[in-house]
Structure formats: C-alpha cells, structure tokens
C-alpha cells in the first residue's frame, strides 16, 4: 500500500478509536470485501463470512486501541489468518481426535472466543426482536435492512406513504435498542457486518 493510503487509514483509525461509526464503516468498506475474498480461497463461504464478521466485531469492541495500529492492511489480514487457524484447530479437535483421546480430555476443549460468543448471541437476540415486531413493521424493516430498499421504494411496494415507512422503521429501531439494552452501541456495526457477503457490500 502506498504512503497516501496508509495515512488515510491512520486518519480513519484515529477517528474510529473515538467511536466514530462512519470512519469504522469506511475501513470496513475499504477492506471487508478484500478480506472476504482472500478468506474465501482458504475456507468455504460461510466460514469466510464468519471470520470477517468476527475480526471486525473484535476491532470495534476494542476500538480504543485502533489508533495505535500501523499498517492496518497487514494487521487485519494477520488477525483473519489467526482466526482461521484457531477455527481449524477447533474443528480438528471436534472431528479428528480419536474418541478415546477425547474421553481422556487431555486436550483443552475447543471453545469459541468471547467475540464469537457475543456476536452469535447478539445475532440471535436481534432475530428474536425482529420476529416479535408487528407483521407490517417487520416487513418494512426487512425490506430496508436486508434488501436495501429506500423509503420511497418500500412505500410504492407496500402501497403506503413514505411517512408511514419512516414511522415503522423508527419504531422497529426503538424496539431493537430497547431489547438490546447495554448492547445498543454494537447495533450499527452489527448490521454493517451482516453485509459481508451481500451484493450491496460495495
């Protein structure tokens, strides 16, 4: 990467370290697809998606350290490679060890990292909240979040006014923030990470 690109990264990292979601999103959109494509060569699509999500989720959770990172491109890919190795080891322990060896429990049981556990729990909780929304509100929310439709497009599709679309989205987001409690700071980044393998990624 050229010096100009690294300077740009340092500016974004410094801003993201203060909690600037826009700066973090810029980093994700700059490197997310590249990282996903790289991991896709080493893993299946689902595994590659999980690794990218977990890496960026951990970066956001520890965002106060972002400003200290130099050569972000190398740092990011090294994180992903380490995550892939850890995932492979867990898979090996679960599927390749002889049963008698597993019974002896001589090896440390494979466990998910805190970030993996938290991200999975967050995804499950968000899905529960979405499933509990009123039908029309849920439909509007999913059309906007999952299909990327704009307010006007949703209004035309559902034969409702744009203001009604906006009302449904505001209420849905309020339900999510209320339901997630102390995890509301993770909500914007969570939805960003769900776009890893979606076509609107870039």
N, C-alpha and C. Protein backbone atom coordinates (compact mmCIF):
# COMPACT_ATOMS: atom_id res chain seq x y z
N UNK A 1 0.85 -1.19 0.00
CA UNK A 1 0.00 0.00 0.00
C UNK A 1 0.89 1.25 0.00
N UNK A 2 0.48 2.27 -0.75
CA UNK A 2 1.30 3.48 -0.80
C UNK A 2 1.14 4.31 0.48
N UNK A 3 2.04 5.29 0.62
CA UNK A 3 2.07 6.09 1.84
C UNK A 3 0.78 6.87 2.03
N UNK A 4 0.21 7.34 0.91
CA UNK A 4 -1.03 8.10 0.99
C UNK A 4 -2.16 7.24 1.55
N UNK A 5 -2.23 6.00 1.09
CA UNK A 5 -3.25 5.09 1.58
C UNK A 5 -3.10 4.79 3.05
N UNK A 6 -1.85 4.63 3.51
CA UNK A 6 -1.61 4.37 4.93
C UNK A 6 -1.96 5.58 5.78
N UNK A 7 -1.68 6.78 5.26
CA UNK A 7 -2.05 7.99 6.01
C UNK A 7 -3.57 8.10 6.13
N UNK A 8 -4.26 7.76 5.04
CA UNK A 8 -5.72 7.78 5.07
C UNK A 8 -6.23 6.81 6.14
N UNK A 9 -5.62 5.62 6.18
CA UNK A 9 -6.02 4.62 7.17
C UNK A 9 -5.81 5.13 8.59
N UNK A 10 -4.70 5.80 8.82
CA UNK A 10 -4.40 6.31 10.16
C UNK A 10 -5.42 7.34 10.61
N UNK A 11 -5.87 8.16 9.67
CA UNK A 11 -6.91 9.15 10.00
C UNK A 11 -8.20 8.44 10.37
N UNK A 12 -8.58 7.44 9.58
CA UNK A 12 -9.81 6.69 9.85
C UNK A 12 -9.70 5.92 11.16
N UNK A 13 -8.55 5.32 11.42
CA UNK A 13 -8.35 4.56 12.65
C UNK A 13 -8.44 5.47 13.87
N UNK A 14 -7.85 6.65 13.77
CA UNK A 14 -7.89 7.59 14.88
C UNK A 14 -9.32 8.04 15.17
N UNK A 15 -10.09 8.26 14.11
CA UNK A 15 -11.49 8.67 14.29
C UNK A 15 -12.33 7.52 14.84
N UNK A 16 -12.12 6.32 14.29
CA UNK A 16 -12.87 5.15 14.76
C UNK A 16 -12.58 4.86 16.21
N UNK A 17 -11.35 5.14 16.64
CA UNK A 17 -10.96 4.89 18.03
C UNK A 17 -11.77 5.73 19.01
N UNK A 18 -12.31 6.85 18.54
CA UNK A 18 -13.13 7.71 19.40
C UNK A 18 -14.60 7.33 19.35
N UNK A 19 -14.92 6.27 18.56
CA UNK A 19 -16.31 5.83 18.45
C UNK A 19 -17.01 6.33 17.20
N UNK A 20 -16.26 6.86 16.25
CA UNK A 20 -16.83 7.37 15.01
C UNK A 20 -17.23 6.19 14.12
N UNK A 21 -18.54 5.92 14.05
CA UNK A 21 -19.05 4.78 13.28
C UNK A 21 -18.83 4.96 11.78
N UNK A 22 -18.89 6.20 11.31
CA UNK A 22 -18.69 6.47 9.88
C UNK A 22 -17.27 6.10 9.46
N UNK A 23 -16.30 6.44 10.29
CA UNK A 23 -14.90 6.11 9.99
C UNK A 23 -14.69 4.60 10.00
N UNK A 24 -15.32 3.93 10.96
CA UNK A 24 -15.18 2.47 11.03
C UNK A 24 -15.83 1.82 9.81
N UNK A 25 -16.97 2.35 9.42
CA UNK A 25 -17.63 1.81 8.22
C UNK A 25 -16.76 2.01 6.99
N UNK A 26 -16.07 3.14 6.90
CA UNK A 26 -15.18 3.40 5.77
C UNK A 26 -14.06 2.36 5.72
N UNK A 27 -13.53 2.00 6.87
CA UNK A 27 -12.49 0.97 6.93
C UNK A 27 -13.06 -0.39 6.51
N UNK A 28 -14.25 -0.67 6.98
CA UNK A 28 -14.89 -1.94 6.64
C UNK A 28 -15.15 -2.04 5.14
N UNK A 29 -15.63 -0.96 4.56
CA UNK A 29 -15.94 -0.99 3.13
C UNK A 29 -14.67 -0.98 2.28
N UNK A 30 -13.61 -0.48 2.83
CA UNK A 30 -12.34 -0.47 2.10
C UNK A 30 -11.68 -1.84 2.11
N UNK A 31 -11.79 -2.55 3.23
CA UNK A 31 -11.06 -3.80 3.38
C UNK A 31 -11.93 -5.05 3.50
N UNK A 32 -13.20 -4.89 3.82
CA UNK A 32 -14.04 -6.04 4.09
C UNK A 32 -14.15 -7.02 2.93
N UNK A 33 -14.46 -6.53 1.75
CA UNK A 33 -14.60 -7.41 0.59
C UNK A 33 -13.27 -8.05 0.22
N UNK A 34 -12.20 -7.29 0.32
CA UNK A 34 -10.87 -7.83 0.00
C UNK A 34 -10.53 -8.98 0.96
N UNK A 35 -10.83 -8.76 2.24
CA UNK A 35 -10.55 -9.78 3.23
C UNK A 35 -11.45 -11.00 3.03
N UNK A 36 -12.71 -10.75 2.73
CA UNK A 36 -13.66 -11.85 2.49
C UNK A 36 -13.21 -12.69 1.29
N UNK A 37 -12.78 -12.04 0.21
CA UNK A 37 -12.34 -12.76 -0.99
C UNK A 37 -11.10 -13.60 -0.69
N UNK A 38 -10.20 -13.05 0.12
CA UNK A 38 -8.99 -13.78 0.49
C UNK A 38 -9.33 -15.01 1.33
N UNK A 39 -10.20 -14.83 2.33
CA UNK A 39 -10.57 -15.94 3.20
C UNK A 39 -11.39 -16.98 2.44
N UNK A 40 -12.10 -16.55 1.42
CA UNK A 40 -12.91 -17.46 0.62
C UNK A 40 -12.04 -18.48 -0.11
N UNK A 41 -10.81 -18.10 -0.41
CA UNK A 41 -9.87 -19.02 -1.06
C UNK A 41 -9.38 -20.10 -0.10
N UNK A 42 -9.45 -19.81 1.19
CA UNK A 42 -8.95 -20.74 2.20
C UNK A 42 -10.07 -21.50 2.89
N UNK A 43 -11.27 -20.95 2.87
CA UNK A 43 -12.40 -21.54 3.59
C UNK A 43 -13.64 -21.49 2.70
N UNK A 44 -14.71 -22.12 3.16
CA UNK A 44 -15.97 -22.01 2.46
C UNK A 44 -16.58 -20.64 2.68
N UNK A 45 -17.64 -20.34 1.96
CA UNK A 45 -18.27 -19.02 2.04
C UNK A 45 -18.74 -18.70 3.46
N UNK A 46 -19.38 -19.67 4.11
CA UNK A 46 -19.90 -19.42 5.46
C UNK A 46 -18.76 -19.15 6.44
N UNK A 47 -17.68 -19.93 6.34
CA UNK A 47 -16.54 -19.74 7.24
C UNK A 47 -15.87 -18.40 6.98
N UNK A 48 -15.72 -18.03 5.71
CA UNK A 48 -15.09 -16.76 5.35
C UNK A 48 -15.92 -15.59 5.90
N UNK A 49 -17.22 -15.69 5.78
CA UNK A 49 -18.10 -14.64 6.28
C UNK A 49 -17.99 -14.51 7.80
N UNK A 50 -17.97 -15.67 8.49
CA UNK A 50 -17.86 -15.65 9.95
C UNK A 50 -16.56 -15.00 10.40
N UNK A 51 -15.47 -15.33 9.71
CA UNK A 51 -14.16 -14.81 10.10
C UNK A 51 -14.12 -13.29 9.94
N UNK A 52 -14.62 -12.79 8.81
CA UNK A 52 -14.63 -11.34 8.58
C UNK A 52 -15.48 -10.64 9.63
N UNK A 53 -16.64 -11.20 9.92
CA UNK A 53 -17.52 -10.60 10.93
C UNK A 53 -16.85 -10.57 12.29
N UNK A 54 -16.23 -11.69 12.67
CA UNK A 54 -15.62 -11.79 13.99
C UNK A 54 -14.43 -10.84 14.12
N UNK A 55 -13.63 -10.73 13.06
CA UNK A 55 -12.46 -9.85 13.10
C UNK A 55 -12.88 -8.39 13.26
N UNK A 56 -13.83 -7.94 12.44
CA UNK A 56 -14.25 -6.54 12.54
C UNK A 56 -15.05 -6.28 13.83
N UNK A 57 -15.78 -7.28 14.29
CA UNK A 57 -16.51 -7.14 15.54
C UNK A 57 -15.52 -6.94 16.69
N UNK A 58 -14.44 -7.70 16.68
CA UNK A 58 -13.42 -7.56 17.72
C UNK A 58 -12.74 -6.20 17.62
N UNK A 59 -12.48 -5.75 16.40
CA UNK A 59 -11.87 -4.43 16.22
C UNK A 59 -12.75 -3.34 16.81
N UNK A 60 -14.05 -3.44 16.59
CA UNK A 60 -14.95 -2.41 17.12
C UNK A 60 -15.05 -2.50 18.64
N UNK A 61 -15.10 -3.73 19.16
CA UNK A 61 -15.18 -3.91 20.61
C UNK A 61 -13.95 -3.29 21.30
N UNK A 62 -12.80 -3.39 20.63
CA UNK A 62 -11.56 -2.86 21.20
C UNK A 62 -11.12 -1.62 20.43
N UNK A 63 -12.07 -0.79 20.05
CA UNK A 63 -11.81 0.35 19.18
C UNK A 63 -10.88 1.39 19.79
N UNK A 64 -10.81 1.41 21.11
CA UNK A 64 -9.93 2.38 21.75
C UNK A 64 -8.46 2.12 21.42
N UNK A 65 -8.13 0.94 20.90
CA UNK A 65 -6.76 0.59 20.55
C UNK A 65 -6.46 0.84 19.06
N UNK A 66 -7.47 1.19 18.28
CA UNK A 66 -7.30 1.31 16.84
C UNK A 66 -6.24 2.34 16.44
N UNK A 67 -6.16 3.42 17.17
CA UNK A 67 -5.23 4.49 16.81
C UNK A 67 -3.77 4.06 16.93
N UNK A 68 -3.52 2.97 17.65
CA UNK A 68 -2.14 2.51 17.83
C UNK A 68 -1.69 1.56 16.72
N UNK A 69 -2.61 1.19 15.83
CA UNK A 69 -2.30 0.23 14.76
C UNK A 69 -1.60 0.94 13.61
N UNK A 70 -0.49 0.39 13.18
CA UNK A 70 0.17 0.87 11.97
C UNK A 70 0.09 -0.24 10.93
N UNK A 71 0.11 0.13 9.65
CA UNK A 71 0.00 -0.86 8.57
C UNK A 71 -1.26 -1.72 8.77
N UNK A 72 -2.41 -1.06 8.75
CA UNK A 72 -3.68 -1.71 9.07
C UNK A 72 -3.96 -2.90 8.15
N UNK A 73 -3.61 -2.80 6.89
CA UNK A 73 -3.85 -3.89 5.95
C UNK A 73 -3.19 -5.19 6.44
N UNK A 74 -1.92 -5.12 6.80
CA UNK A 74 -1.19 -6.29 7.28
C UNK A 74 -1.76 -6.78 8.61
N UNK A 75 -2.07 -5.85 9.48
CA UNK A 75 -2.61 -6.18 10.79
C UNK A 75 -3.94 -6.94 10.65
N UNK A 76 -4.78 -6.45 9.75
CA UNK A 76 -6.10 -7.04 9.54
C UNK A 76 -6.01 -8.45 9.00
N UNK A 77 -5.17 -8.65 7.98
CA UNK A 77 -5.05 -9.97 7.39
C UNK A 77 -4.40 -10.95 8.35
N UNK A 78 -3.49 -10.47 9.19
CA UNK A 78 -2.88 -11.35 10.19
C UNK A 78 -3.92 -11.78 11.22
N UNK A 79 -4.79 -10.85 11.62
CA UNK A 79 -5.88 -11.20 12.53
C UNK A 79 -6.77 -12.28 11.94
N UNK A 80 -7.12 -12.12 10.67
CA UNK A 80 -8.00 -13.07 9.99
C UNK A 80 -7.34 -14.44 9.86
N UNK A 81 -6.05 -14.45 9.54
CA UNK A 81 -5.33 -15.72 9.42
C UNK A 81 -5.28 -16.43 10.76
N UNK A 82 -5.03 -15.68 11.83
CA UNK A 82 -5.01 -16.28 13.17
C UNK A 82 -6.38 -16.84 13.54
N UNK A 83 -7.42 -16.11 13.17
CA UNK A 83 -8.78 -16.57 13.45
C UNK A 83 -9.07 -17.86 12.68
N UNK A 84 -8.63 -17.92 11.42
CA UNK A 84 -8.83 -19.11 10.60
C UNK A 84 -8.10 -20.32 11.19
N UNK A 85 -6.88 -20.09 11.67
CA UNK A 85 -6.10 -21.16 12.29
C UNK A 85 -6.80 -21.67 13.55
N UNK A 86 -7.28 -20.73 14.36
CA UNK A 86 -7.99 -21.13 15.58
C UNK A 86 -9.24 -21.92 15.25
N UNK A 87 -9.97 -21.50 14.23
CA UNK A 87 -11.18 -22.21 13.82
C UNK A 87 -10.84 -23.61 13.33
N UNK A 88 -9.74 -23.72 12.58
CA UNK A 88 -9.32 -25.03 12.08
C UNK A 88 -8.95 -25.96 13.24
N UNK A 89 -8.26 -25.42 14.23
CA UNK A 89 -7.88 -26.23 15.39
C UNK A 89 -9.11 -26.72 16.14
N UNK A 90 -10.09 -25.83 16.27
CA UNK A 90 -11.33 -26.24 16.96
C UNK A 90 -12.03 -27.35 16.19
N UNK A 91 -12.05 -27.21 14.86
CA UNK A 91 -12.68 -28.22 14.03
C UNK A 91 -11.94 -29.55 14.14
N UNK A 92 -10.61 -29.48 14.16
CA UNK A 92 -9.80 -30.69 14.27
C UNK A 92 -10.04 -31.40 15.59
N UNK A 93 -10.10 -30.61 16.65
CA UNK A 93 -10.35 -31.21 17.96
C UNK A 93 -11.71 -31.88 18.01
N UNK A 94 -12.67 -31.26 17.35
CA UNK A 94 -14.04 -31.77 17.39
C UNK A 94 -14.25 -32.99 16.50
N UNK A 95 -13.49 -33.08 15.40
CA UNK A 95 -13.80 -34.12 14.42
C UNK A 95 -12.69 -35.12 14.15
N UNK A 96 -11.44 -34.77 14.45
CA UNK A 96 -10.33 -35.63 14.05
C UNK A 96 -9.70 -36.41 15.19
N UNK A 97 -9.86 -35.98 16.42
CA UNK A 97 -9.27 -36.71 17.53
C UNK A 97 -9.99 -38.04 17.75
N UNK A 98 -9.27 -39.11 18.01
CA UNK A 98 -9.91 -40.39 18.34
C UNK A 98 -10.83 -40.23 19.54
N UNK A 99 -11.88 -40.98 19.56
CA UNK A 99 -12.86 -40.87 20.64
C UNK A 99 -12.22 -41.12 21.99
N UNK A 100 -11.31 -42.12 22.05
CA UNK A 100 -10.70 -42.41 23.34
C UNK A 100 -9.84 -41.25 23.83
N UNK A 101 -9.21 -40.52 22.90
CA UNK A 101 -8.42 -39.36 23.29
C UNK A 101 -9.32 -38.26 23.82
N UNK A 102 -10.46 -38.09 23.16
CA UNK A 102 -11.40 -37.06 23.60
C UNK A 102 -11.95 -37.41 24.98
N UNK A 103 -12.18 -38.72 25.21
CA UNK A 103 -12.71 -39.14 26.50
C UNK A 103 -11.73 -38.86 27.64
N UNK A 104 -10.45 -38.93 27.33
CA UNK A 104 -9.45 -38.67 28.36
C UNK A 104 -9.37 -37.20 28.72
N UNK A 105 -9.87 -36.36 27.77
CA UNK A 105 -9.88 -34.91 27.99
C UNK A 105 -8.48 -34.39 28.30
N UNK A 106 -7.48 -34.92 27.55
CA UNK A 106 -6.12 -34.48 27.77
C UNK A 106 -5.82 -33.17 27.06
N UNK A 107 -6.69 -32.83 26.12
CA UNK A 107 -6.51 -31.58 25.41
C UNK A 107 -7.54 -30.58 25.91
N UNK A 108 -7.22 -29.33 25.73
CA UNK A 108 -8.14 -28.28 26.14
C UNK A 108 -9.36 -28.28 25.24
N UNK A 109 -10.57 -28.33 25.77
CA UNK A 109 -11.77 -28.34 24.93
C UNK A 109 -11.82 -27.11 24.04
N UNK A 110 -12.27 -27.33 22.81
CA UNK A 110 -12.37 -26.20 21.87
C UNK A 110 -13.51 -25.29 22.31
N UNK A 111 -13.21 -24.03 22.45
CA UNK A 111 -14.24 -23.08 22.86
C UNK A 111 -14.21 -21.87 21.94
N UNK A 112 -15.36 -21.26 21.79
CA UNK A 112 -15.44 -20.05 20.98
C UNK A 112 -14.82 -18.89 21.75
N UNK A 113 -14.31 -17.90 21.00
CA UNK A 113 -13.78 -16.70 21.64
C UNK A 113 -14.93 -15.88 22.18
N UNK A 114 -14.60 -14.94 23.06
CA UNK A 114 -15.64 -14.07 23.62
C UNK A 114 -16.37 -13.32 22.52
N UNK A 115 -15.61 -12.87 21.49
CA UNK A 115 -16.23 -12.11 20.40
C UNK A 115 -17.20 -12.99 19.60
N UNK A 116 -16.81 -14.24 19.36
CA UNK A 116 -17.68 -15.15 18.63
C UNK A 116 -18.97 -15.39 19.39
N UNK A 117 -18.82 -15.66 20.68
CA UNK A 117 -19.98 -15.93 21.52
C UNK A 117 -20.91 -14.72 21.57
N UNK A 118 -20.31 -13.54 21.76
CA UNK A 118 -21.12 -12.33 21.87
C UNK A 118 -21.81 -12.00 20.56
N UNK A 119 -21.08 -12.16 19.43
CA UNK A 119 -21.68 -11.85 18.14
C UNK A 119 -22.84 -12.80 17.84
N UNK A 120 -22.64 -14.08 18.13
CA UNK A 120 -23.71 -15.07 17.89
C UNK A 120 -24.92 -14.78 18.78
N UNK A 121 -24.64 -14.45 20.03
CA UNK A 121 -25.74 -14.14 20.95
C UNK A 121 -26.48 -12.89 20.51
N UNK A 122 -25.73 -11.90 20.04
CA UNK A 122 -26.33 -10.66 19.56
C UNK A 122 -27.20 -10.92 18.34
N UNK A 123 -26.68 -11.77 17.42
CA UNK A 123 -27.45 -12.10 16.22
C UNK A 123 -28.76 -12.81 16.58
N UNK A 124 -28.69 -13.73 17.53
CA UNK A 124 -29.88 -14.46 17.95
C UNK A 124 -30.90 -13.52 18.61
N UNK A 125 -30.39 -12.61 19.44
CA UNK A 125 -31.28 -11.68 20.13
C UNK A 125 -31.94 -10.73 19.16
N UNK A 126 -31.16 -10.22 18.19
CA UNK A 126 -31.71 -9.32 17.17
C UNK A 126 -32.81 -10.04 16.38
N UNK A 127 -32.55 -11.31 16.04
CA UNK A 127 -33.56 -12.07 15.28
C UNK A 127 -34.83 -12.26 16.09
N UNK A 128 -34.68 -12.51 17.38
CA UNK A 128 -35.85 -12.65 18.25
C UNK A 128 -36.68 -11.37 18.27
N UNK A 129 -35.99 -10.24 18.37
CA UNK A 129 -36.70 -8.95 18.41
C UNK A 129 -37.41 -8.69 17.07
N UNK A 130 -36.71 -8.96 15.98
CA UNK A 130 -37.31 -8.75 14.66
C UNK A 130 -38.53 -9.64 14.48
N UNK A 131 -38.43 -10.88 14.92
CA UNK A 131 -39.56 -11.82 14.79
C UNK A 131 -40.76 -11.37 15.61
N UNK A 132 -40.51 -10.59 16.67
CA UNK A 132 -41.60 -10.15 17.56
C UNK A 132 -42.27 -8.87 17.08
N UNK A 133 -41.71 -8.22 16.05
CA UNK A 133 -42.30 -6.98 15.54
C UNK A 133 -43.65 -7.26 14.89
N UNK A 134 -44.56 -6.27 14.89
CA UNK A 134 -45.83 -6.42 14.15
C UNK A 134 -45.52 -6.73 12.69
N UNK A 135 -46.35 -7.54 12.02
CA UNK A 135 -46.07 -8.01 10.66
C UNK A 135 -45.67 -6.92 9.67
N UNK A 136 -46.44 -5.84 9.59
CA UNK A 136 -46.14 -4.78 8.63
C UNK A 136 -44.82 -4.07 8.98
N UNK A 137 -44.62 -3.85 10.25
CA UNK A 137 -43.40 -3.20 10.71
C UNK A 137 -42.17 -4.08 10.40
N UNK A 138 -42.33 -5.37 10.63
CA UNK A 138 -41.25 -6.30 10.34
C UNK A 138 -40.95 -6.34 8.85
N UNK A 139 -41.99 -6.32 8.03
CA UNK A 139 -41.81 -6.35 6.58
C UNK A 139 -41.07 -5.10 6.10
N UNK A 140 -41.47 -3.95 6.60
CA UNK A 140 -40.80 -2.70 6.23
C UNK A 140 -39.33 -2.73 6.65
N UNK A 141 -39.11 -3.19 7.86
CA UNK A 141 -37.75 -3.23 8.39
C UNK A 141 -36.86 -4.15 7.55
N UNK A 142 -37.34 -5.32 7.22
CA UNK A 142 -36.53 -6.28 6.45
C UNK A 142 -36.29 -5.80 5.03
N UNK A 143 -37.27 -5.16 4.43
CA UNK A 143 -37.09 -4.62 3.08
C UNK A 143 -36.00 -3.56 3.07
N UNK A 144 -35.94 -2.78 4.16
CA UNK A 144 -34.93 -1.72 4.25
C UNK A 144 -33.56 -2.28 4.61
N UNK A 145 -33.50 -3.13 5.61
CA UNK A 145 -32.22 -3.60 6.12
C UNK A 145 -31.62 -4.73 5.28
N UNK A 146 -32.45 -5.69 4.89
CA UNK A 146 -31.92 -6.87 4.21
C UNK A 146 -31.88 -6.71 2.70
N UNK A 147 -32.84 -5.98 2.14
CA UNK A 147 -32.86 -5.81 0.69
C UNK A 147 -32.36 -4.44 0.26
N UNK A 148 -32.13 -3.57 1.22
CA UNK A 148 -31.56 -2.27 0.91
C UNK A 148 -32.47 -1.31 0.17
N UNK A 149 -33.79 -1.52 0.27
CA UNK A 149 -34.73 -0.64 -0.42
C UNK A 149 -34.85 0.70 0.30
N UNK A 150 -35.03 1.75 -0.46
CA UNK A 150 -35.20 3.08 0.12
C UNK A 150 -36.64 3.28 0.55
N UNK A 151 -36.86 4.33 1.33
CA UNK A 151 -38.21 4.59 1.86
C UNK A 151 -39.25 4.67 0.75
N UNK A 152 -38.93 5.39 -0.31
CA UNK A 152 -39.88 5.56 -1.40
C UNK A 152 -40.19 4.24 -2.08
N UNK A 153 -39.17 3.42 -2.26
CA UNK A 153 -39.36 2.12 -2.92
C UNK A 153 -40.24 1.21 -2.08
N UNK A 154 -40.03 1.23 -0.76
CA UNK A 154 -40.85 0.41 0.14
C UNK A 154 -42.30 0.90 0.13
N UNK A 155 -42.45 2.22 0.14
CA UNK A 155 -43.79 2.80 0.12
C UNK A 155 -44.56 2.37 -1.13
N UNK A 156 -43.91 2.41 -2.27
CA UNK A 156 -44.56 2.01 -3.52
C UNK A 156 -44.87 0.52 -3.54
N UNK A 157 -43.95 -0.29 -3.01
CA UNK A 157 -44.14 -1.73 -3.00
C UNK A 157 -45.28 -2.17 -2.09
N UNK A 158 -45.40 -1.50 -0.94
CA UNK A 158 -46.42 -1.88 0.04
C UNK A 158 -47.67 -1.02 -0.02
N UNK A 159 -47.66 -0.04 -0.94
CA UNK A 159 -48.82 0.85 -1.11
C UNK A 159 -49.14 1.61 0.18
N UNK A 160 -48.08 2.16 0.78
CA UNK A 160 -48.23 3.00 1.95
C UNK A 160 -47.42 4.28 1.71
N UNK A 161 -47.60 5.27 2.57
CA UNK A 161 -46.89 6.53 2.38
C UNK A 161 -45.45 6.44 2.90
N UNK A 162 -44.54 7.24 2.35
CA UNK A 162 -43.17 7.26 2.86
C UNK A 162 -43.09 7.59 4.35
N UNK A 163 -44.01 8.45 4.81
CA UNK A 163 -44.00 8.80 6.23
C UNK A 163 -44.37 7.59 7.10
N UNK A 164 -45.24 6.74 6.58
CA UNK A 164 -45.60 5.52 7.30
C UNK A 164 -44.41 4.56 7.35
N UNK A 165 -43.67 4.49 6.24
CA UNK A 165 -42.46 3.67 6.19
C UNK A 165 -41.48 4.15 7.26
N UNK A 166 -41.28 5.45 7.30
CA UNK A 166 -40.35 6.03 8.27
C UNK A 166 -40.80 5.74 9.70
N UNK A 167 -42.10 5.83 9.94
CA UNK A 167 -42.64 5.56 11.27
C UNK A 167 -42.35 4.12 11.68
N UNK A 168 -42.58 3.17 10.75
CA UNK A 168 -42.33 1.77 11.03
C UNK A 168 -40.85 1.52 11.36
N UNK A 169 -39.97 2.16 10.61
CA UNK A 169 -38.53 1.96 10.82
C UNK A 169 -38.08 2.54 12.16
N UNK A 170 -38.61 3.71 12.49
CA UNK A 170 -38.27 4.34 13.78
C UNK A 170 -38.72 3.44 14.93
N UNK A 171 -39.93 2.90 14.81
CA UNK A 171 -40.46 2.04 15.86
C UNK A 171 -39.67 0.73 15.96
N UNK A 172 -39.27 0.18 14.81
CA UNK A 172 -38.50 -1.06 14.80
C UNK A 172 -37.14 -0.85 15.45
N UNK A 173 -36.48 0.25 15.13
CA UNK A 173 -35.18 0.54 15.72
C UNK A 173 -35.29 0.81 17.22
N UNK A 174 -36.38 1.45 17.60
CA UNK A 174 -36.61 1.68 19.03
C UNK A 174 -36.77 0.34 19.76
N UNK A 175 -37.50 -0.59 19.15
CA UNK A 175 -37.69 -1.91 19.75
C UNK A 175 -36.35 -2.64 19.87
N UNK A 176 -35.50 -2.49 18.86
CA UNK A 176 -34.18 -3.14 18.90
C UNK A 176 -33.31 -2.54 19.99
N UNK A 177 -33.28 -1.22 20.06
CA UNK A 177 -32.45 -0.56 21.08
C UNK A 177 -32.93 -0.92 22.49
N UNK A 178 -34.24 -0.95 22.65
CA UNK A 178 -34.79 -1.31 23.96
C UNK A 178 -34.48 -2.76 24.30
N UNK A 179 -34.65 -3.62 23.32
CA UNK A 179 -34.43 -5.05 23.54
C UNK A 179 -32.99 -5.43 23.76
N UNK A 180 -32.07 -4.64 23.20
CA UNK A 180 -30.64 -4.96 23.32
C UNK A 180 -30.00 -4.36 24.56
N UNK A 181 -30.69 -3.42 25.20
CA UNK A 181 -30.18 -2.87 26.45
C UNK A 181 -28.79 -2.29 26.34
N UNK A 182 -27.85 -2.89 27.07
CA UNK A 182 -26.48 -2.37 27.13
C UNK A 182 -25.68 -2.59 25.86
N UNK A 183 -26.24 -3.31 24.89
CA UNK A 183 -25.51 -3.61 23.67
C UNK A 183 -25.87 -2.68 22.51
N UNK A 184 -26.56 -1.59 22.80
CA UNK A 184 -27.01 -0.71 21.71
C UNK A 184 -25.84 -0.09 20.95
N UNK A 185 -24.67 0.06 21.58
CA UNK A 185 -23.52 0.65 20.89
C UNK A 185 -23.00 -0.28 19.79
N UNK A 186 -23.37 -1.56 19.86
CA UNK A 186 -22.91 -2.53 18.87
C UNK A 186 -23.87 -2.64 17.69
N UNK A 187 -25.06 -2.06 17.83
CA UNK A 187 -26.11 -2.25 16.82
C UNK A 187 -25.72 -1.76 15.43
N UNK A 188 -25.24 -0.52 15.25
CA UNK A 188 -24.90 -0.07 13.89
C UNK A 188 -23.83 -0.93 13.23
N UNK A 189 -22.80 -1.28 14.00
CA UNK A 189 -21.72 -2.10 13.46
C UNK A 189 -22.20 -3.52 13.18
N UNK A 190 -23.09 -4.02 14.02
CA UNK A 190 -23.65 -5.36 13.81
C UNK A 190 -24.32 -5.46 12.45
N UNK A 191 -25.16 -4.47 12.11
CA UNK A 191 -25.84 -4.51 10.83
C UNK A 191 -24.87 -4.33 9.68
N UNK A 192 -23.85 -3.55 9.89
CA UNK A 192 -22.82 -3.38 8.87
C UNK A 192 -22.15 -4.71 8.58
N UNK A 193 -21.83 -5.47 9.60
CA UNK A 193 -21.12 -6.73 9.42
C UNK A 193 -21.98 -7.80 8.78
N UNK A 194 -23.28 -7.69 8.91
CA UNK A 194 -24.16 -8.65 8.26
C UNK A 194 -24.11 -8.54 6.74
N UNK A 195 -23.55 -7.44 6.23
CA UNK A 195 -23.49 -7.22 4.78
C UNK A 195 -22.26 -7.82 4.14
N UNK A 196 -21.48 -8.60 4.89
CA UNK A 196 -20.21 -9.12 4.38
C UNK A 196 -20.34 -9.79 3.02
N UNK A 197 -21.30 -10.70 2.86
CA UNK A 197 -21.39 -11.44 1.60
C UNK A 197 -22.56 -11.00 0.74
N UNK A 198 -23.23 -9.91 1.11
CA UNK A 198 -24.36 -9.44 0.32
C UNK A 198 -23.88 -8.62 -0.86
N UNK A 199 -24.65 -8.62 -1.94
CA UNK A 199 -24.25 -7.92 -3.16
C UNK A 199 -24.15 -6.41 -2.98
N UNK A 200 -24.87 -5.74 -2.06
CA UNK A 200 -24.69 -4.30 -1.90
C UNK A 200 -23.46 -3.93 -1.08
N UNK A 201 -22.57 -4.91 -0.79
CA UNK A 201 -21.42 -4.69 0.08
C UNK A 201 -20.64 -3.45 -0.34
N UNK A 202 -20.41 -3.26 -1.64
CA UNK A 202 -19.67 -2.10 -2.09
C UNK A 202 -20.40 -1.43 -3.22
